[in-house]
PDB file of N, CA and C in Angstrom:
ATOM      1  N   MET A   1     -51.733  65.579-195.606  1.00  0.00           N
ATOM      2  CA  MET A   1     -52.511  64.380-195.786  1.00  0.00           C
ATOM      3  C   MET A   1     -52.171  63.389-194.682  1.00  0.00           C
ATOM      4  N   SER A   2     -52.260  63.832-193.495  1.00  0.00           N
ATOM      5  CA  SER A   2     -51.955  62.993-192.348  1.00  0.00           C
ATOM      6  C   SER A   2     -53.160  62.165-191.968  1.00  0.00           C
ATOM      7  N   SER A   3     -52.902  60.968-191.498  1.00  0.00           N
ATOM      8  CA  SER A   3     -54.010  60.117-191.087  1.00  0.00           C
ATOM      9  C   SER A   3     -53.870  59.719-189.627  1.00  0.00           C
ATOM     10  N   GLY A   4     -53.341  60.636-188.826  1.00  0.00           N
ATOM     11  CA  GLY A   4     -53.295  60.414-187.395  1.00  0.00           C
ATOM     12  C   GLY A   4     -52.388  59.285-186.990  1.00  0.00           C
ATOM     13  N   ASN A   5     -52.969  58.237-186.418  1.00  0.00           N
ATOM     14  CA  ASN A   5     -52.184  57.150-185.855  1.00  0.00           C
ATOM     15  C   ASN A   5     -51.984  55.985-186.808  1.00  0.00           C
ATOM     16  N   ASN A   6     -52.265  56.134-188.066  1.00  0.00           N
ATOM     17  CA  ASN A   6     -52.128  55.046-189.020  1.00  0.00           C
ATOM     18  C   ASN A   6     -50.950  55.320-189.950  1.00  0.00           C
ATOM     19  N   PRO A   7     -49.756  54.870-189.571  1.00  0.00           N
ATOM     20  CA  PRO A   7     -48.583  55.160-190.392  1.00  0.00           C
ATOM     21  C   PRO A   7     -48.665  54.538-191.779  1.00  0.00           C
ATOM     22  N   GLN A   8     -49.351  53.396-191.910  1.00  0.00           N
ATOM     23  CA  GLN A   8     -49.472  52.746-193.218  1.00  0.00           C
ATOM     24  C   GLN A   8     -50.247  53.643-194.182  1.00  0.00           C
ATOM     25  N   ALA A   9     -51.366  54.195-193.716  1.00  0.00           N
ATOM     26  CA  ALA A   9     -52.147  55.101-194.556  1.00  0.00           C
ATOM     27  C   ALA A   9     -51.353  56.361-194.883  1.00  0.00           C
ATOM     28  N   SER A  10     -50.574  56.860-193.925  1.00  0.00           N
ATOM     29  CA  SER A  10     -49.760  58.043-194.161  1.00  0.00           C
ATOM     30  C   SER A  10     -48.674  57.774-195.205  1.00  0.00           C
ATOM     31  N   LEU A  11     -48.089  56.581-195.171  1.00  0.00           N
ATOM     32  CA  LEU A  11     -47.095  56.228-196.184  1.00  0.00           C
ATOM     33  C   LEU A  11     -47.715  56.198-197.573  1.00  0.00           C
ATOM     34  N   ILE A  12     -48.870  55.569-197.679  1.00  0.00           N
ATOM     35  CA  ILE A  12     -49.548  55.479-198.978  1.00  0.00           C
ATOM     36  C   ILE A  12     -49.953  56.870-199.448  1.00  0.00           C
ATOM     37  N   GLY A  13     -50.529  57.658-198.543  1.00  0.00           N
ATOM     38  CA  GLY A  13     -50.916  59.022-198.891  1.00  0.00           C
ATOM     39  C   GLY A  13     -49.720  59.865-199.279  1.00  0.00           C
ATOM     40  N   GLY A  14     -48.620  59.704-198.570  1.00  0.00           N
ATOM     41  CA  GLY A  14     -47.408  60.442-198.886  1.00  0.00           C
ATOM     42  C   GLY A  14     -46.870  60.093-200.260  1.00  0.00           C
ATOM     43  N   HIS A  15     -46.903  58.815-200.603  1.00  0.00           N
ATOM     44  CA  HIS A  15     -46.438  58.407-201.924  1.00  0.00           C
ATOM     45  C   HIS A  15     -47.350  58.964-203.007  1.00  0.00           C
ATOM     46  N   ALA A  16     -48.651  58.957-202.771  1.00  0.00           N
ATOM     47  CA  ALA A  16     -49.593  59.519-203.746  1.00  0.00           C
ATOM     48  C   ALA A  16     -49.338  61.013-203.939  1.00  0.00           C
ATOM     49  N   GLU A  17     -49.102  61.710-202.836  1.00  0.00           N
ATOM     50  CA  GLU A  17     -48.823  63.143-202.924  1.00  0.00           C
ATOM     51  C   GLU A  17     -47.503  63.402-203.655  1.00  0.00           C
ATOM     52  N   TYR A  18     -46.516  62.546-203.452  1.00  0.00           N
ATOM     53  CA  TYR A  18     -45.228  62.703-204.131  1.00  0.00           C
ATOM     54  C   TYR A  18     -45.393  62.535-205.646  1.00  0.00           C
ATOM     55  N   VAL A  19     -46.166  61.532-206.039  1.00  0.00           N
ATOM     56  CA  VAL A  19     -46.420  61.308-207.471  1.00  0.00           C
ATOM     57  C   VAL A  19     -47.131  62.527-208.064  1.00  0.00           C
ATOM     58  N   LYS A  20     -48.113  63.056-207.350  1.00  0.00           N
ATOM     59  CA  LYS A  20     -48.834  64.244-207.803  1.00  0.00           C
ATOM     60  C   LYS A  20     -47.860  65.406-207.962  1.00  0.00           C
ATOM     61  N   GLY A  21     -46.995  65.606-206.981  1.00  0.00           N
ATOM     62  CA  GLY A  21     -46.019  66.687-207.053  1.00  0.00           C
ATOM     63  C   GLY A  21     -45.054  66.528-208.214  1.00  0.00           C
ATOM     64  N   THR A  22     -44.646  65.296-208.464  1.00  0.00           N
ATOM     65  CA  THR A  22     -43.756  65.027-209.598  1.00  0.00           C
ATOM     66  C   THR A  22     -44.436  65.385-210.920  1.00  0.00           C
ATOM     67  N   ALA A  23     -45.705  65.024-211.030  1.00  0.00           N
ATOM     68  CA  ALA A  23     -46.457  65.340-212.250  1.00  0.00           C
ATOM     69  C   ALA A  23     -46.602  66.848-212.420  1.00  0.00           C
ATOM     70  N   GLU A  24     -46.915  67.550-211.333  1.00  0.00           N
ATOM     71  CA  GLU A  24     -47.049  69.002-211.410  1.00  0.00           C
ATOM     72  C   GLU A  24     -45.725  69.656-211.814  1.00  0.00           C
ATOM     73  N   SER A  25     -44.632  69.189-211.244  1.00  0.00           N
ATOM     74  CA  SER A  25     -43.318  69.733-211.600  1.00  0.00           C
ATOM     75  C   SER A  25     -43.004  69.502-213.068  1.00  0.00           C
ATOM     76  N   ALA A  26     -43.349  68.308-213.551  1.00  0.00           N
ATOM     77  CA  ALA A  26     -43.104  67.995-214.959  1.00  0.00           C
ATOM     78  C   ALA A  26     -43.934  68.899-215.865  1.00  0.00           C
ATOM     79  N   ILE A  27     -45.187  69.117-215.513  1.00  0.00           N
ATOM     80  CA  ILE A  27     -46.035  70.013-216.301  1.00  0.00           C
ATOM     81  C   ILE A  27     -45.438  71.417-216.300  1.00  0.00           C
ATOM     82  N   GLY A  28     -44.990  71.865-215.132  1.00  0.00           N
ATOM     83  CA  GLY A  28     -44.367  73.180-215.039  1.00  0.00           C
ATOM     84  C   GLY A  28     -43.120  73.296-215.894  1.00  0.00           C
ATOM     85  N   SER A  29     -42.316  72.250-215.914  1.00  0.00           N
ATOM     86  CA  SER A  29     -41.098  72.259-216.723  1.00  0.00           C
ATOM     87  C   SER A  29     -41.410  72.301-218.218  1.00  0.00           C
ATOM     88  N   VAL A  30     -42.384  71.505-218.620  1.00  0.00           N
ATOM     89  CA  VAL A  30     -42.739  71.431-220.037  1.00  0.00           C
ATOM     90  C   VAL A  30     -43.386  72.727-220.518  1.00  0.00           C
ATOM     91  N   THR A  31     -44.257  73.290-219.686  1.00  0.00           N
ATOM     92  CA  THR A  31     -44.993  74.486-220.105  1.00  0.00           C
ATOM     93  C   THR A  31     -44.281  75.783-219.754  1.00  0.00           C
ATOM     94  N   GLY A  32     -43.266  75.706-218.911  1.00  0.00           N
ATOM     95  CA  GLY A  32     -42.576  76.907-218.477  1.00  0.00           C
ATOM     96  C   GLY A  32     -43.320  77.644-217.373  1.00  0.00           C
ATOM     97  N   SER A  33     -44.291  76.976-216.759  1.00  0.00           N
ATOM     98  CA  SER A  33     -45.095  77.593-215.706  1.00  0.00           C
ATOM     99  C   SER A  33     -44.393  77.461-214.353  1.00  0.00           C
ATOM    100  N   GLN A  34     -43.944  78.595-213.829  1.00  0.00           N
ATOM    101  CA  GLN A  34     -43.289  78.594-212.525  1.00  0.00           C
ATOM    102  C   GLN A  34     -44.266  78.195-211.431  1.00  0.00           C
ATOM    103  N   ALA A  35     -45.541  78.562-211.577  1.00  0.00           N
ATOM    104  CA  ALA A  35     -46.550  78.221-210.568  1.00  0.00           C
ATOM    105  C   ALA A  35     -46.703  76.709-210.451  1.00  0.00           C
ATOM    106  N   TRP A  36     -46.767  76.008-211.573  1.00  0.00           N
ATOM    107  CA  TRP A  36     -46.878  74.541-211.535  1.00  0.00           C
ATOM    108  C   TRP A  36     -45.625  73.919-210.941  1.00  0.00           C
ATOM    109  N   THR A  37     -44.472  74.415-211.352  1.00  0.00           N
ATOM    110  CA  THR A  37     -43.210  73.878-210.841  1.00  0.00           C
ATOM    111  C   THR A  37     -43.113  74.072-209.330  1.00  0.00           C
ATOM    112  N   THR A  38     -43.427  75.260-208.863  1.00  0.00           N
ATOM    113  CA  THR A  38     -43.368  75.555-207.432  1.00  0.00           C
ATOM    114  C   THR A  38     -44.353  74.699-206.658  1.00  0.00           C
ATOM    115  N   SER A  39     -45.576  74.588-207.156  1.00  0.00           N
ATOM    116  CA  SER A  39     -46.592  73.774-206.495  1.00  0.00           C
ATOM    117  C   SER A  39     -46.142  72.314-206.404  1.00  0.00           C
ATOM    118  N   GLY A  40     -45.575  71.816-207.480  1.00  0.00           N
ATOM    119  CA  GLY A  40     -45.093  70.434-207.497  1.00  0.00           C
ATOM    120  C   GLY A  40     -43.971  70.194-206.513  1.00  0.00           C
ATOM    121  N   GLU A  41     -43.036  71.127-206.454  1.00  0.00           N
ATOM    122  CA  GLU A  41     -41.914  70.984-205.528  1.00  0.00           C
ATOM    123  C   GLU A  41     -42.388  71.060-204.075  1.00  0.00           C
ATOM    124  N   GLN A  42     -43.365  71.928-203.803  1.00  0.00           N
ATOM    125  CA  GLN A  42     -43.914  72.025-202.446  1.00  0.00           C
ATOM    126  C   GLN A  42     -44.640  70.736-202.065  1.00  0.00           C
ATOM    127  N   ALA A  43     -45.404  70.180-203.006  1.00  0.00           N
ATOM    128  CA  ALA A  43     -46.122  68.924-202.745  1.00  0.00           C
ATOM    129  C   ALA A  43     -45.132  67.792-202.466  1.00  0.00           C
ATOM    130  N   LYS A  44     -44.053  67.736-203.251  1.00  0.00           N
ATOM    131  CA  LYS A  44     -43.060  66.686-203.031  1.00  0.00           C
ATOM    132  C   LYS A  44     -42.382  66.832-201.677  1.00  0.00           C
ATOM    133  N   ALA A  45     -42.058  68.050-201.282  1.00  0.00           N
ATOM    134  CA  ALA A  45     -41.406  68.270-199.985  1.00  0.00           C
ATOM    135  C   ALA A  45     -42.340  67.866-198.841  1.00  0.00           C
ATOM    136  N   HIS A  46     -43.606  68.223-198.943  1.00  0.00           N
ATOM    137  CA  HIS A  46     -44.569  67.846-197.905  1.00  0.00           C
ATOM    138  C   HIS A  46     -44.724  66.331-197.864  1.00  0.00           C
ATOM    139  N   ALA A  47     -44.749  65.704-199.037  1.00  0.00           N
ATOM    140  CA  ALA A  47     -44.889  64.250-199.108  1.00  0.00           C
ATOM    141  C   ALA A  47     -43.713  63.544-198.444  1.00  0.00           C
ATOM    142  N   VAL A  48     -42.517  64.041-198.674  1.00  0.00           N
ATOM    143  CA  VAL A  48     -41.328  63.445-198.062  1.00  0.00           C
ATOM    144  C   VAL A  48     -41.418  63.536-196.540  1.00  0.00           C
ATOM    145  N   ASP A  49     -41.838  64.697-196.037  1.00  0.00           N
ATOM    146  CA  ASP A  49     -41.990  64.849-194.584  1.00  0.00           C
ATOM    147  C   ASP A  49     -43.032  63.872-194.043  1.00  0.00           C
ATOM    148  N   THR A  50     -44.149  63.734-194.749  1.00  0.00           N
ATOM    149  CA  THR A  50     -45.211  62.814-194.340  1.00  0.00           C
ATOM    150  C   THR A  50     -44.698  61.381-194.294  1.00  0.00           C
ATOM    151  N   MET A  51     -43.967  60.985-195.342  1.00  0.00           N
ATOM    152  CA  MET A  51     -43.459  59.620-195.409  1.00  0.00           C
ATOM    153  C   MET A  51     -42.406  59.354-194.334  1.00  0.00           C
ATOM    154  N   LYS A  52     -41.552  60.339-194.064  1.00  0.00           N
ATOM    155  CA  LYS A  52     -40.533  60.163-193.022  1.00  0.00           C
ATOM    156  C   LYS A  52     -41.193  59.957-191.663  1.00  0.00           C
ATOM    157  N   THR A  53     -42.173  60.793-191.352  1.00  0.00           N
ATOM    158  CA  THR A  53     -42.875  60.679-190.073  1.00  0.00           C
ATOM    159  C   THR A  53     -43.578  59.330-189.970  1.00  0.00           C
ATOM    160  N   ALA A  54     -44.264  58.935-191.029  1.00  0.00           N
ATOM    161  CA  ALA A  54     -44.980  57.659-191.021  1.00  0.00           C
ATOM    162  C   ALA A  54     -44.008  56.488-190.893  1.00  0.00           C
ATOM    163  N   GLY A  55     -42.881  56.567-191.571  1.00  0.00           N
ATOM    164  CA  GLY A  55     -41.889  55.502-191.496  1.00  0.00           C
ATOM    165  C   GLY A  55     -41.316  55.350-190.099  1.00  0.00           C
ATOM    166  N   GLU A  56     -41.141  56.470-189.421  1.00  0.00           N
ATOM    167  CA  GLU A  56     -40.620  56.425-188.052  1.00  0.00           C
ATOM    168  C   GLU A  56     -41.631  55.806-187.092  1.00  0.00           C
ATOM    169  N   GLN A  57     -42.916  55.941-187.395  1.00  0.00           N
ATOM    170  CA  GLN A  57     -43.972  55.423-186.524  1.00  0.00           C
ATOM    171  C   GLN A  57     -44.333  53.974-186.851  1.00  0.00           C
ATOM    172  N   ARG A  58     -43.881  53.477-187.968  1.00  0.00           N
ATOM    173  CA  ARG A  58     -44.272  52.147-188.419  1.00  0.00           C
ATOM    174  C   ARG A  58     -43.441  51.061-187.765  1.00  0.00           C
ATOM    175  N   ASN A  59     -44.088  49.996-187.401  1.00  0.00           N
ATOM    176  CA  ASN A  59     -43.426  48.826-186.841  1.00  0.00           C
ATOM    177  C   ASN A  59     -43.284  47.802-187.970  1.00  0.00           C
ATOM    178  N   ALA A  60     -42.069  47.605-188.449  1.00  0.00           N
ATOM    179  CA  ALA A  60     -41.837  46.732-189.603  1.00  0.00           C
ATOM    180  C   ALA A  60     -42.261  45.294-189.354  1.00  0.00           C
ATOM    181  N   SER A  61     -42.296  44.878-188.102  1.00  0.00           N
ATOM    182  CA  SER A  61     -42.671  43.489-187.831  1.00  0.00           C
ATOM    183  C   SER A  61     -44.169  43.251-187.977  1.00  0.00           C
ATOM    184  N   THR A  62     -44.963  44.321-187.941  1.00  0.00           N
ATOM    185  CA  THR A  62     -46.418  44.147-188.056  1.00  0.00           C
ATOM    186  C   THR A  62     -47.031  44.909-189.211  1.00  0.00           C
ATOM    187  N   GLN A  63     -46.278  45.795-189.850  1.00  0.00           N
ATOM    188  CA  GLN A  63     -46.805  46.605-190.938  1.00  0.00           C
ATOM    189  C   GLN A  63     -45.824  46.610-192.097  1.00  0.00           C
ATOM    190  N   GLY A  64     -46.347  46.737-193.278  1.00  0.00           N
ATOM    191  CA  GLY A  64     -45.499  46.824-194.454  1.00  0.00           C
ATOM    192  C   GLY A  64     -45.899  45.815-195.497  1.00  0.00           C
ATOM    193  N   PHE A  65     -45.367  46.020-196.689  1.00  0.00           N
ATOM    194  CA  PHE A  65     -45.708  45.171-197.819  1.00  0.00           C
ATOM    195  C   PHE A  65     -44.524  44.345-198.306  1.00  0.00           C
ATOM    196  N   GLY A  66     -43.429  44.378-197.572  1.00  0.00           N
ATOM    197  CA  GLY A  66     -42.287  43.536-197.874  1.00  0.00           C
ATOM    198  C   GLY A  66     -41.720  43.727-199.264  1.00  0.00           C
ATOM    199  N   LYS A  67     -41.545  42.624-199.950  1.00  0.00           N
ATOM    200  CA  LYS A  67     -40.872  42.629-201.247  1.00  0.00           C
ATOM    201  C   LYS A  67     -41.610  43.494-202.274  1.00  0.00           C
ATOM    202  N   VAL A  68     -42.938  43.507-202.224  1.00  0.00           N
ATOM    203  CA  VAL A  68     -43.708  44.333-203.161  1.00  0.00           C
ATOM    204  C   VAL A  68     -43.339  45.801-202.972  1.00  0.00           C
ATOM    205  N   GLU A  69     -43.294  46.237-201.724  1.00  0.00           N
ATOM    206  CA  GLU A  69     -42.943  47.619-201.424  1.00  0.00           C
ATOM    207  C   GLU A  69     -41.497  47.914-201.838  1.00  0.00           C
ATOM    208  N   GLN A  70     -40.623  46.969-201.588  1.00  0.00           N
ATOM    209  CA  GLN A  70     -39.220  47.150-201.952  1.00  0.00           C
ATOM    210  C   GLN A  70     -39.068  47.280-203.473  1.00  0.00           C
ATOM    211  N   LYS A  71     -39.723  46.416-204.228  1.00  0.00           N
ATOM    212  CA  LYS A  71     -39.625  46.450-205.694  1.00  0.00           C
ATOM    213  C   LYS A  71     -40.250  47.718-206.267  1.00  0.00           C
ATOM    214  N   LEU A  72     -41.388  48.141-205.701  1.00  0.00           N
ATOM    215  CA  LEU A  72     -42.023  49.374-206.164  1.00  0.00           C
ATOM    216  C   LEU A  72     -41.110  50.566-205.893  1.00  0.00           C
ATOM    217  N   GLY A  73     -40.461  50.552-204.748  1.00  0.00           N
ATOM    218  CA  GLY A  73     -39.502  51.608-204.437  1.00  0.00           C
ATOM    219  C   GLY A  73     -38.348  51.641-205.421  1.00  0.00           C
ATOM    220  N   GLN A  74     -37.867  50.474-205.797  1.00  0.00           N
ATOM    221  CA  GLN A  74     -36.781  50.408-206.779  1.00  0.00           C
ATOM    222  C   GLN A  74     -37.253  50.924-208.138  1.00  0.00           C
ATOM    223  N   ALA A  75     -38.478  50.575-208.511  1.00  0.00           N
ATOM    224  CA  ALA A  75     -39.008  50.988-209.809  1.00  0.00           C
ATOM    225  C   ALA A  75     -39.245  52.495-209.879  1.00  0.00           C
ATOM    226  N   THR A  76     -39.660  53.082-208.759  1.00  0.00           N
ATOM    227  CA  THR A  76     -39.976  54.509-208.756  1.00  0.00           C
ATOM    228  C   THR A  76     -38.811  55.376-208.296  1.00  0.00           C
ATOM    229  N   GLY A  77     -37.747  54.746-207.826  1.00  0.00           N
ATOM    230  CA  GLY A  77     -36.595  55.500-207.348  1.00  0.00           C
ATOM    231  C   GLY A  77     -36.781  56.062-205.954  1.00  0.00           C
ATOM    232  N   CYS A  78     -37.693  55.471-205.195  1.00  0.00           N
ATOM    233  CA  CYS A  78     -37.965  55.944-203.837  1.00  0.00           C
ATOM    234  C   CYS A  78     -37.153  55.115-202.842  1.00  0.00           C
ATOM    235  N   GLU A  79     -36.078  55.702-202.337  1.00  0.00           N
ATOM    236  CA  GLU A  79     -35.204  54.990-201.413  1.00  0.00           C
ATOM    237  C   GLU A  79     -35.925  54.611-200.122  1.00  0.00           C
ATOM    238  N   GLY A  80     -36.856  55.446-199.690  1.00  0.00           N
ATOM    239  CA  GLY A  80     -37.607  55.155-198.475  1.00  0.00           C
ATOM    240  C   GLY A  80     -38.432  53.888-198.602  1.00  0.00           C
ATOM    241  N   MET A  81     -39.072  53.701-199.755  1.00  0.00           N
ATOM    242  CA  MET A  81     -39.864  52.488-199.977  1.00  0.00           C
ATOM    243  C   MET A  81     -38.965  51.261-200.006  1.00  0.00           C
ATOM    244  N   VAL A  82     -37.811  51.391-200.623  1.00  0.00           N
ATOM    245  CA  VAL A  82     -36.865  50.272-200.674  1.00  0.00           C
ATOM    246  C   VAL A  82     -36.470  49.880-199.253  1.00  0.00           C
ATOM    247  N   LYS A  83     -36.128  50.878-198.448  1.00  0.00           N
ATOM    248  CA  LYS A  83     -35.723  50.628-197.061  1.00  0.00           C
ATOM    249  C   LYS A  83     -36.864  50.015-196.255  1.00  0.00           C
ATOM    250  N   GLU A  84     -38.047  50.619-196.348  1.00  0.00           N
ATOM    251  CA  GLU A  84     -39.198  50.118-195.584  1.00  0.00           C
ATOM    252  C   GLU A  84     -39.599  48.716-196.041  1.00  0.00           C
ATOM    253  N   GLY A  85     -39.578  48.485-197.331  1.00  0.00           N
ATOM    254  CA  GLY A  85     -39.923  47.153-197.857  1.00  0.00           C
ATOM    255  C   GLY A  85     -38.924  46.103-197.409  1.00  0.00           C
ATOM    256  N   SER A  86     -37.663  46.471-197.430  1.00  0.00           N
ATOM    257  CA  SER A  86     -36.628  45.548-196.991  1.00  0.00           C
ATOM    258  C   SER A  86     -36.788  45.221-195.513  1.00  0.00           C
ATOM    259  N   ALA A  87     -37.093  46.229-194.698  1.00  0.00           N
ATOM    260  CA  ALA A  87     -37.263  46.016-193.261  1.00  0.00           C
ATOM    261  C   ALA A  87     -38.460  45.117-192.980  1.00  0.00           C
ATOM    262  N   SER A  88     -39.564  45.349-193.683  1.00  0.00           N
ATOM    263  CA  SER A  88     -40.747  44.529-193.428  1.00  0.00           C
ATOM    264  C   SER A  88     -40.592  43.139-194.021  1.00  0.00           C
ATOM    265  N   LYS A  89     -39.812  43.004-195.085  1.00  0.00           N
ATOM    266  CA  LYS A  89     -39.567  41.702-195.702  1.00  0.00           C
ATOM    267  C   LYS A  89     -38.799  40.795-194.743  1.00  0.00           C
ATOM    268  N   ARG A  90     -37.847  41.374-194.039  1.00  0.00           N
ATOM    269  CA  ARG A  90     -37.064  40.561-193.097  1.00  0.00           C
ATOM    270  C   ARG A  90     -37.923  40.019-191.983  1.00  0.00           C
ATOM    271  N   GLN A  91     -38.988  40.726-191.654  1.00  0.00           N
ATOM    272  CA  GLN A  91     -39.840  40.330-190.553  1.00  0.00           C
ATOM    273  C   GLN A  91     -40.904  39.312-190.975  1.00  0.00           C
ATOM    274  N   GLN A  92     -41.153  39.183-192.276  1.00  0.00           N
ATOM    275  CA  GLN A  92     -42.222  38.307-192.745  1.00  0.00           C
ATOM    276  C   GLN A  92     -41.758  36.889-192.889  1.00  0.00           C
TER     277      GLN A  92
END
């Protein structure tokens, strides 16, 4: 789910894909379906790679959601969002 030169869109897309993967893994765990669990874990791994790449391309002084992103990261347990939100918050 790459969006080329738009790291902000890639971050959002990566987070959406991670949530989807988490849901698939949970369904697999509850139902005992290895296919769902595997699909979910693969989606989460791809999402992490997408978010890492997008984060490396993002300029915190001009992109980011600051405190909102940091708080959402804390709520969801996403260390990357916490870091990115904190970096963009300092610049705002």
